[in-house]
């Protein structure tokens, strides 16, 4: 049985049988894969600290046809500050959901993986503008999946909002956070990305709908 070594973010976790869990992860080298963590739900399960969503880890997996088996795991970052704030954990969950929806199984997209990791690191920092970060990550999701917005869709937006859209599409995420953006412009950008994401993907993340009371 071949061994796979890869770095990845756990997108979601599901209980499996009596003592195991399924880890759905987005990895740098393997794309989106699923691995079973055997015995993790038992009192002495050795993977308990790592087997949860929003963990960046280095994994060693036993390769399977459809589902791998977790052999070793080392936590790189657990993003602790995100998990102590309701709004941040909601947006972090939204990022994970969006990545899960945008990526097909075993689809390798290293640029998008790095965008996700960068967004989680930024979200973990104090004073971050979470809505602006969310819009930037949505734009990167569109760029990395080949769903560039039609410029005609932005015709009704202010010039400052259109400029921000261009920055979010073409510049690194951290640069998009360095500019001051009005709430009105953020709202119009959110309406733009929401409409495009609905057209591009069959499923929609539920996290922000819960935060906004619309789910």
C-alpha atoms as a PDB file:
ATOM      1  CA  UNK A   1       0.000   0.000   0.000  1.00  0.00           C
ATOM      2  CA  UNK A   2       1.514   3.302  -1.149  1.00  0.00           C
ATOM      3  CA  UNK A   3       2.088   6.189   1.242  1.00  0.00           C
ATOM      4  CA  UNK A   4       1.011   9.738   0.400  1.00  0.00           C
ATOM      5  CA  UNK A   5       2.585  12.715   2.149  1.00  0.00           C
ATOM      6  CA  UNK A   6       0.726  15.984   1.723  1.00  0.00           C
ATOM      7  CA  UNK A   7      -0.220  19.229   3.440  1.00  0.00           C
ATOM      8  CA  UNK A   8      -3.914  19.975   3.668  1.00  0.00           C
ATOM      9  CA  UNK A   9      -6.791  21.769   5.352  1.00  0.00           C
ATOM     10  CA  UNK A  10      -9.611  19.714   6.844  1.00  0.00           C
ATOM     11  CA  UNK A  11     -12.814  21.042   5.308  1.00  0.00           C
ATOM     12  CA  UNK A  12     -15.308  18.919   7.221  1.00  0.00           C
ATOM     13  CA  UNK A  13     -15.538  15.821   9.404  1.00  0.00           C
ATOM     14  CA  UNK A  14     -18.165  13.074   9.606  1.00  0.00           C
ATOM     15  CA  UNK A  15     -18.623  10.270  12.132  1.00  0.00           C
ATOM     16  CA  UNK A  16     -18.090   6.846  10.579  1.00  0.00           C
ATOM     17  CA  UNK A  17     -19.017   3.529  12.163  1.00  0.00           C
ATOM     18  CA  UNK A  18     -18.560   3.339  15.940  1.00  0.00           C
ATOM     19  CA  UNK A  19     -15.061   4.709  16.494  1.00  0.00           C
ATOM     20  CA  UNK A  20     -13.904   6.297  13.259  1.00  0.00           C
ATOM     21  CA  UNK A  21     -14.257   9.582  11.414  1.00  0.00           C
ATOM     22  CA  UNK A  22     -14.079  10.571   7.774  1.00  0.00           C
ATOM     23  CA  UNK A  23     -11.895  13.605   7.113  1.00  0.00           C
ATOM     24  CA  UNK A  24     -12.673  15.594   3.980  1.00  0.00           C
ATOM     25  CA  UNK A  25      -9.581  17.621   3.162  1.00  0.00           C
ATOM     26  CA  UNK A  26      -8.264  19.960   0.514  1.00  0.00           C
ATOM     27  CA  UNK A  27      -4.579  19.261  -0.027  1.00  0.00           C
ATOM     28  CA  UNK A  28      -1.761  20.971  -1.855  1.00  0.00           C
ATOM     29  CA  UNK A  29      -0.495  17.985  -3.819  1.00  0.00           C
ATOM     30  CA  UNK A  30      -3.525  15.688  -4.061  1.00  0.00           C
ATOM     31  CA  UNK A  31      -6.463  18.059  -4.364  1.00  0.00           C
ATOM     32  CA  UNK A  32      -9.653  17.295  -2.463  1.00  0.00           C
ATOM     33  CA  UNK A  33      -9.521  13.834  -0.880  1.00  0.00           C
ATOM     34  CA  UNK A  34     -11.191  11.838   1.879  1.00  0.00           C
ATOM     35  CA  UNK A  35      -9.387   9.848   4.568  1.00  0.00           C
ATOM     36  CA  UNK A  36     -10.617   7.637   7.377  1.00  0.00           C
ATOM     37  CA  UNK A  37      -9.184   8.300  10.852  1.00  0.00           C
ATOM     38  CA  UNK A  38      -9.581   4.950  12.554  1.00  0.00           C
ATOM     39  CA  UNK A  39     -10.277   4.839  16.277  1.00  0.00           C
ATOM     40  CA  UNK A  40     -10.295   8.619  16.620  1.00  0.00           C
ATOM     41  CA  UNK A  41     -13.622   8.639  18.485  1.00  0.00           C
ATOM     42  CA  UNK A  42     -12.367   6.269  21.164  1.00  0.00           C
ATOM     43  CA  UNK A  43     -11.157   7.656  24.505  1.00  0.00           C
ATOM     44  CA  UNK A  44      -7.516   7.200  23.535  1.00  0.00           C
ATOM     45  CA  UNK A  45      -7.789   8.032  19.827  1.00  0.00           C
ATOM     46  CA  UNK A  46      -4.404   9.425  18.798  1.00  0.00           C
ATOM     47  CA  UNK A  47      -5.699  11.744  16.075  1.00  0.00           C
ATOM     48  CA  UNK A  48      -8.277  13.592  18.185  1.00  0.00           C
ATOM     49  CA  UNK A  49      -6.454  16.945  18.281  1.00  0.00           C
ATOM     50  CA  UNK A  50      -6.152  17.080  14.509  1.00  0.00           C
ATOM     51  CA  UNK A  51      -9.377  15.433  13.353  1.00  0.00           C
ATOM     52  CA  UNK A  52     -11.545  18.548  13.246  1.00  0.00           C
ATOM     53  CA  UNK A  53     -12.414  21.167  10.640  1.00  0.00           C
ATOM     54  CA  UNK A  54     -10.203  24.182   9.979  1.00  0.00           C
ATOM     55  CA  UNK A  55      -6.941  22.447  10.844  1.00  0.00           C
ATOM     56  CA  UNK A  56      -3.892  22.870   8.611  1.00  0.00           C
ATOM     57  CA  UNK A  57      -1.869  19.678   8.878  1.00  0.00           C
ATOM     58  CA  UNK A  58       0.847  17.583   7.308  1.00  0.00           C
ATOM     59  CA  UNK A  59      -0.660  14.180   6.578  1.00  0.00           C
ATOM     60  CA  UNK A  60       0.753  10.754   5.856  1.00  0.00           C
ATOM     61  CA  UNK A  61      -1.948   8.641   4.233  1.00  0.00           C
ATOM     62  CA  UNK A  62      -2.223   5.038   3.148  1.00  0.00           C
ATOM     63  CA  UNK A  63      -3.499   5.321  -0.405  1.00  0.00           C
ATOM     64  CA  UNK A  64      -6.878   3.765  -1.154  1.00  0.00           C
ATOM     65  CA  UNK A  65      -8.935   3.636  -4.334  1.00  0.00           C
ATOM     66  CA  UNK A  66     -11.542   6.147  -3.171  1.00  0.00           C
ATOM     67  CA  UNK A  67     -10.847   6.710   0.526  1.00  0.00           C
ATOM     68  CA  UNK A  68      -7.388   6.898   2.050  1.00  0.00           C
ATOM     69  CA  UNK A  69      -6.442   5.860   5.599  1.00  0.00           C
ATOM     70  CA  UNK A  70      -4.788   8.286   7.985  1.00  0.00           C
ATOM     71  CA  UNK A  71      -1.417   6.979   9.151  1.00  0.00           C
ATOM     72  CA  UNK A  72       0.241  10.048  10.667  1.00  0.00           C
ATOM     73  CA  UNK A  73      -0.691  13.692  11.140  1.00  0.00           C
ATOM     74  CA  UNK A  74       1.149  16.773  12.383  1.00  0.00           C
ATOM     75  CA  UNK A  75      -0.758  19.992  13.088  1.00  0.00           C
ATOM     76  CA  UNK A  76       0.774  23.028  11.365  1.00  0.00           C
ATOM     77  CA  UNK A  77      -1.790  25.586  12.513  1.00  0.00           C
ATOM     78  CA  UNK A  78      -5.146  25.363  14.274  1.00  0.00           C
ATOM     79  CA  UNK A  79      -6.225  29.015  13.839  1.00  0.00           C
ATOM     80  CA  UNK A  80      -7.178  29.417  17.513  1.00  0.00           C
ATOM     81  CA  UNK A  81      -8.300  33.048  17.330  1.00  0.00           C
ATOM     82  CA  UNK A  82     -10.864  32.251  14.642  1.00  0.00           C
ATOM     83  CA  UNK A  83     -12.424  29.644  16.890  1.00  0.00           C
ATOM     84  CA  UNK A  84     -12.989  32.017  19.815  1.00  0.00           C
ATOM     85  CA  UNK A  85     -15.123  34.512  17.870  1.00  0.00           C
ATOM     86  CA  UNK A  86     -18.551  33.669  16.435  1.00  0.00           C
ATOM     87  CA  UNK A  87     -18.298  35.928  13.383  1.00  0.00           C
ATOM     88  CA  UNK A  88     -14.810  34.724  12.531  1.00  0.00           C
ATOM     89  CA  UNK A  89     -15.622  31.047  12.872  1.00  0.00           C
ATOM     90  CA  UNK A  90     -18.713  31.619  10.733  1.00  0.00           C
ATOM     91  CA  UNK A  91     -16.644  33.233   7.986  1.00  0.00           C
ATOM     92  CA  UNK A  92     -13.948  30.571   8.346  1.00  0.00           C
ATOM     93  CA  UNK A  93     -16.590  27.883   7.952  1.00  0.00           C
ATOM     94  CA  UNK A  94     -17.862  29.743   4.904  1.00  0.00           C
ATOM     95  CA  UNK A  95     -14.393  29.646   3.327  1.00  0.00           C
ATOM     96  CA  UNK A  96     -14.186  25.892   3.940  1.00  0.00           C
ATOM     97  CA  UNK A  97     -17.663  25.297   2.512  1.00  0.00           C
ATOM     98  CA  UNK A  98     -16.921  27.383  -0.552  1.00  0.00           C
ATOM     99  CA  UNK A  99     -13.687  25.486  -1.223  1.00  0.00           C
ATOM    100  CA  UNK A 100     -15.508  22.184  -0.797  1.00  0.00           C
ATOM    101  CA  UNK A 101     -18.179  23.240  -3.288  1.00  0.00           C
ATOM    102  CA  UNK A 102     -15.752  24.748  -5.795  1.00  0.00           C
ATOM    103  CA  UNK A 103     -13.366  21.787  -5.955  1.00  0.00           C
ATOM    104  CA  UNK A 104     -14.180  18.397  -7.439  1.00  0.00           C
ATOM    105  CA  UNK A 105     -12.730  15.287  -5.804  1.00  0.00           C
ATOM    106  CA  UNK A 106      -9.025  14.832  -6.580  1.00  0.00           C
ATOM    107  CA  UNK A 107      -8.922  18.123  -8.480  1.00  0.00           C
ATOM    108  CA  UNK A 108      -5.512  19.706  -7.844  1.00  0.00           C
ATOM    109  CA  UNK A 109      -5.516  23.489  -7.649  1.00  0.00           C
ATOM    110  CA  UNK A 110      -2.442  24.647  -5.762  1.00  0.00           C
ATOM    111  CA  UNK A 111      -3.092  28.365  -6.256  1.00  0.00           C
ATOM    112  CA  UNK A 112      -6.559  28.063  -4.760  1.00  0.00           C
ATOM    113  CA  UNK A 113      -5.252  25.944  -1.900  1.00  0.00           C
ATOM    114  CA  UNK A 114      -2.744  28.671  -1.063  1.00  0.00           C
ATOM    115  CA  UNK A 115      -5.515  31.298  -1.287  1.00  0.00           C
ATOM    116  CA  UNK A 116      -7.561  29.322   1.232  1.00  0.00           C
ATOM    117  CA  UNK A 117      -4.663  28.915   3.637  1.00  0.00           C
ATOM    118  CA  UNK A 118      -3.739  32.590   3.324  1.00  0.00           C
ATOM    119  CA  UNK A 119      -7.342  33.612   3.987  1.00  0.00           C
ATOM    120  CA  UNK A 120      -7.467  31.499   7.155  1.00  0.00           C
ATOM    121  CA  UNK A 121      -4.187  32.977   8.394  1.00  0.00           C
ATOM    122  CA  UNK A 122      -5.502  36.491   7.743  1.00  0.00           C
ATOM    123  CA  UNK A 123      -8.814  35.721   9.421  1.00  0.00           C
ATOM    124  CA  UNK A 124      -6.875  34.556  12.467  1.00  0.00           C
ATOM    125  CA  UNK A 125      -5.261  38.000  12.841  1.00  0.00           C
ATOM    126  CA  UNK A 126      -6.700  40.760  15.071  1.00  0.00           C
ATOM    127  CA  UNK A 127      -8.348  43.749  13.445  1.00  0.00           C
ATOM    128  CA  UNK A 128      -8.990  42.077  10.111  1.00  0.00           C
ATOM    129  CA  UNK A 129     -11.898  43.337   7.994  1.00  0.00           C
ATOM    130  CA  UNK A 130     -13.747  40.050   7.699  1.00  0.00           C
ATOM    131  CA  UNK A 131     -16.310  41.156   5.101  1.00  0.00           C
ATOM    132  CA  UNK A 132     -13.614  42.573   2.850  1.00  0.00           C
ATOM    133  CA  UNK A 133     -11.600  39.372   3.243  1.00  0.00           C
ATOM    134  CA  UNK A 134     -14.681  37.306   2.366  1.00  0.00           C
ATOM    135  CA  UNK A 135     -15.266  39.280  -0.830  1.00  0.00           C
ATOM    136  CA  UNK A 136     -11.592  38.866  -1.803  1.00  0.00           C
ATOM    137  CA  UNK A 137     -11.737  35.114  -1.204  1.00  0.00           C
ATOM    138  CA  UNK A 138     -14.933  34.854  -3.257  1.00  0.00           C
ATOM    139  CA  UNK A 139     -13.201  36.643  -6.119  1.00  0.00           C
ATOM    140  CA  UNK A 140     -10.234  34.269  -5.893  1.00  0.00           C
ATOM    141  CA  UNK A 141     -12.665  31.345  -5.949  1.00  0.00           C
ATOM    142  CA  UNK A 142     -14.044  32.645  -9.242  1.00  0.00           C
ATOM    143  CA  UNK A 143     -10.582  33.297 -10.688  1.00  0.00           C
ATOM    144  CA  UNK A 144      -9.107  29.913  -9.698  1.00  0.00           C
ATOM    145  CA  UNK A 145     -12.096  28.001 -11.087  1.00  0.00           C
ATOM    146  CA  UNK A 146     -12.124  29.883 -14.386  1.00  0.00           C
ATOM    147  CA  UNK A 147     -15.346  31.775 -13.722  1.00  0.00           C
ATOM    148  CA  UNK A 148     -14.233  35.349 -14.345  1.00  0.00           C
ATOM    149  CA  UNK A 149     -17.050  37.899 -13.983  1.00  0.00           C
ATOM    150  CA  UNK A 150     -18.421  39.521 -17.120  1.00  0.00           C
ATOM    151  CA  UNK A 151     -17.379  43.207 -16.947  1.00  0.00           C
ATOM    152  CA  UNK A 152     -20.910  44.140 -17.990  1.00  0.00           C
ATOM    153  CA  UNK A 153     -22.171  42.876 -14.628  1.00  0.00           C
ATOM    154  CA  UNK A 154     -20.299  45.702 -12.879  1.00  0.00           C
ATOM    155  CA  UNK A 155     -21.697  48.502 -15.025  1.00  0.00           C
ATOM    156  CA  UNK A 156     -24.122  49.675 -12.335  1.00  0.00           C
ATOM    157  CA  UNK A 157     -21.439  49.821  -9.644  1.00  0.00           C
ATOM    158  CA  UNK A 158     -19.545  52.898  -8.537  1.00  0.00           C
ATOM    159  CA  UNK A 159     -16.090  53.489  -9.974  1.00  0.00           C
ATOM    160  CA  UNK A 160     -14.564  52.807  -6.538  1.00  0.00           C
ATOM    161  CA  UNK A 161     -16.374  49.459  -6.322  1.00  0.00           C
ATOM    162  CA  UNK A 162     -15.274  48.479  -9.839  1.00  0.00           C
ATOM    163  CA  UNK A 163     -11.700  49.390  -8.920  1.00  0.00           C
ATOM    164  CA  UNK A 164     -11.948  47.184  -5.835  1.00  0.00           C
ATOM    165  CA  UNK A 165     -13.256  44.301  -7.937  1.00  0.00           C
ATOM    166  CA  UNK A 166     -10.251  44.612 -10.267  1.00  0.00           C
ATOM    167  CA  UNK A 167      -7.886  44.582  -7.285  1.00  0.00           C
ATOM    168  CA  UNK A 168      -9.563  41.521  -5.773  1.00  0.00           C
ATOM    169  CA  UNK A 169      -9.433  39.662  -9.071  1.00  0.00           C
ATOM    170  CA  UNK A 170      -5.856  40.475 -10.037  1.00  0.00           C
ATOM    171  CA  UNK A 171      -3.867  41.142  -6.864  1.00  0.00           C
ATOM    172  CA  UNK A 172      -2.966  38.943  -3.882  1.00  0.00           C
ATOM    173  CA  UNK A 173      -5.608  38.795  -1.178  1.00  0.00           C
ATOM    174  CA  UNK A 174      -3.511  40.728   1.323  1.00  0.00           C
ATOM    175  CA  UNK A 175      -3.245  43.665  -1.083  1.00  0.00           C
ATOM    176  CA  UNK A 176      -7.019  43.801  -1.407  1.00  0.00           C
ATOM    177  CA  UNK A 177      -7.220  44.260   2.351  1.00  0.00           C
ATOM    178  CA  UNK A 178      -4.945  47.290   2.376  1.00  0.00           C
ATOM    179  CA  UNK A 179      -7.495  49.551   0.688  1.00  0.00           C
ATOM    180  CA  UNK A 180     -10.340  51.332   2.440  1.00  0.00           C
ATOM    181  CA  UNK A 181     -13.713  50.227   1.099  1.00  0.00           C
ATOM    182  CA  UNK A 182     -17.071  51.738   1.992  1.00  0.00           C
ATOM    183  CA  UNK A 183     -19.881  49.545   3.302  1.00  0.00           C
ATOM    184  CA  UNK A 184     -21.935  50.515   0.264  1.00  0.00           C
ATOM    185  CA  UNK A 185     -19.220  49.271  -2.096  1.00  0.00           C
ATOM    186  CA  UNK A 186     -18.770  46.061  -0.088  1.00  0.00           C
ATOM    187  CA  UNK A 187     -22.513  45.446  -0.332  1.00  0.00           C
ATOM    188  CA  UNK A 188     -22.531  45.900  -4.113  1.00  0.00           C
ATOM    189  CA  UNK A 189     -19.493  43.613  -4.470  1.00  0.00           C
ATOM    190  CA  UNK A 190     -21.236  41.008  -2.286  1.00  0.00           C
ATOM    191  CA  UNK A 191     -24.308  41.152  -4.524  1.00  0.00           C
ATOM    192  CA  UNK A 192     -22.080  40.681  -7.574  1.00  0.00           C
ATOM    193  CA  UNK A 193     -20.189  37.680  -6.207  1.00  0.00           C
ATOM    194  CA  UNK A 194     -23.325  36.110  -4.747  1.00  0.00           C
ATOM    195  CA  UNK A 195     -25.047  36.168  -8.126  1.00  0.00           C
ATOM    196  CA  UNK A 196     -22.063  34.706  -9.970  1.00  0.00           C
ATOM    197  CA  UNK A 197     -21.452  31.986  -7.383  1.00  0.00           C
ATOM    198  CA  UNK A 198     -25.104  30.930  -7.609  1.00  0.00           C
ATOM    199  CA  UNK A 199     -24.753  30.563 -11.365  1.00  0.00           C
ATOM    200  CA  UNK A 200     -21.447  28.695 -11.240  1.00  0.00           C
ATOM    201  CA  UNK A 201     -22.061  26.123  -8.509  1.00  0.00           C
ATOM    202  CA  UNK A 202     -25.044  23.900  -7.754  1.00  0.00           C
ATOM    203  CA  UNK A 203     -24.660  24.084  -3.976  1.00  0.00           C
ATOM    204  CA  UNK A 204     -24.420  27.200  -1.822  1.00  0.00           C
ATOM    205  CA  UNK A 205     -22.619  27.525   1.519  1.00  0.00           C
ATOM    206  CA  UNK A 206     -24.945  27.788   4.507  1.00  0.00           C
ATOM    207  CA  UNK A 207     -22.636  29.477   7.011  1.00  0.00           C
ATOM    208  CA  UNK A 208     -23.207  33.123   6.058  1.00  0.00           C
ATOM    209  CA  UNK A 209     -26.924  32.531   5.610  1.00  0.00           C
ATOM    210  CA  UNK A 210     -27.036  31.390   9.226  1.00  0.00           C
ATOM    211  CA  UNK A 211     -25.070  34.479  10.329  1.00  0.00           C
ATOM    212  CA  UNK A 212     -27.387  36.777   8.375  1.00  0.00           C
ATOM    213  CA  UNK A 213     -30.528  35.016   9.543  1.00  0.00           C
ATOM    214  CA  UNK A 214     -31.576  34.042   6.025  1.00  0.00           C
ATOM    215  CA  UNK A 215     -31.197  30.255   6.303  1.00  0.00           C
END
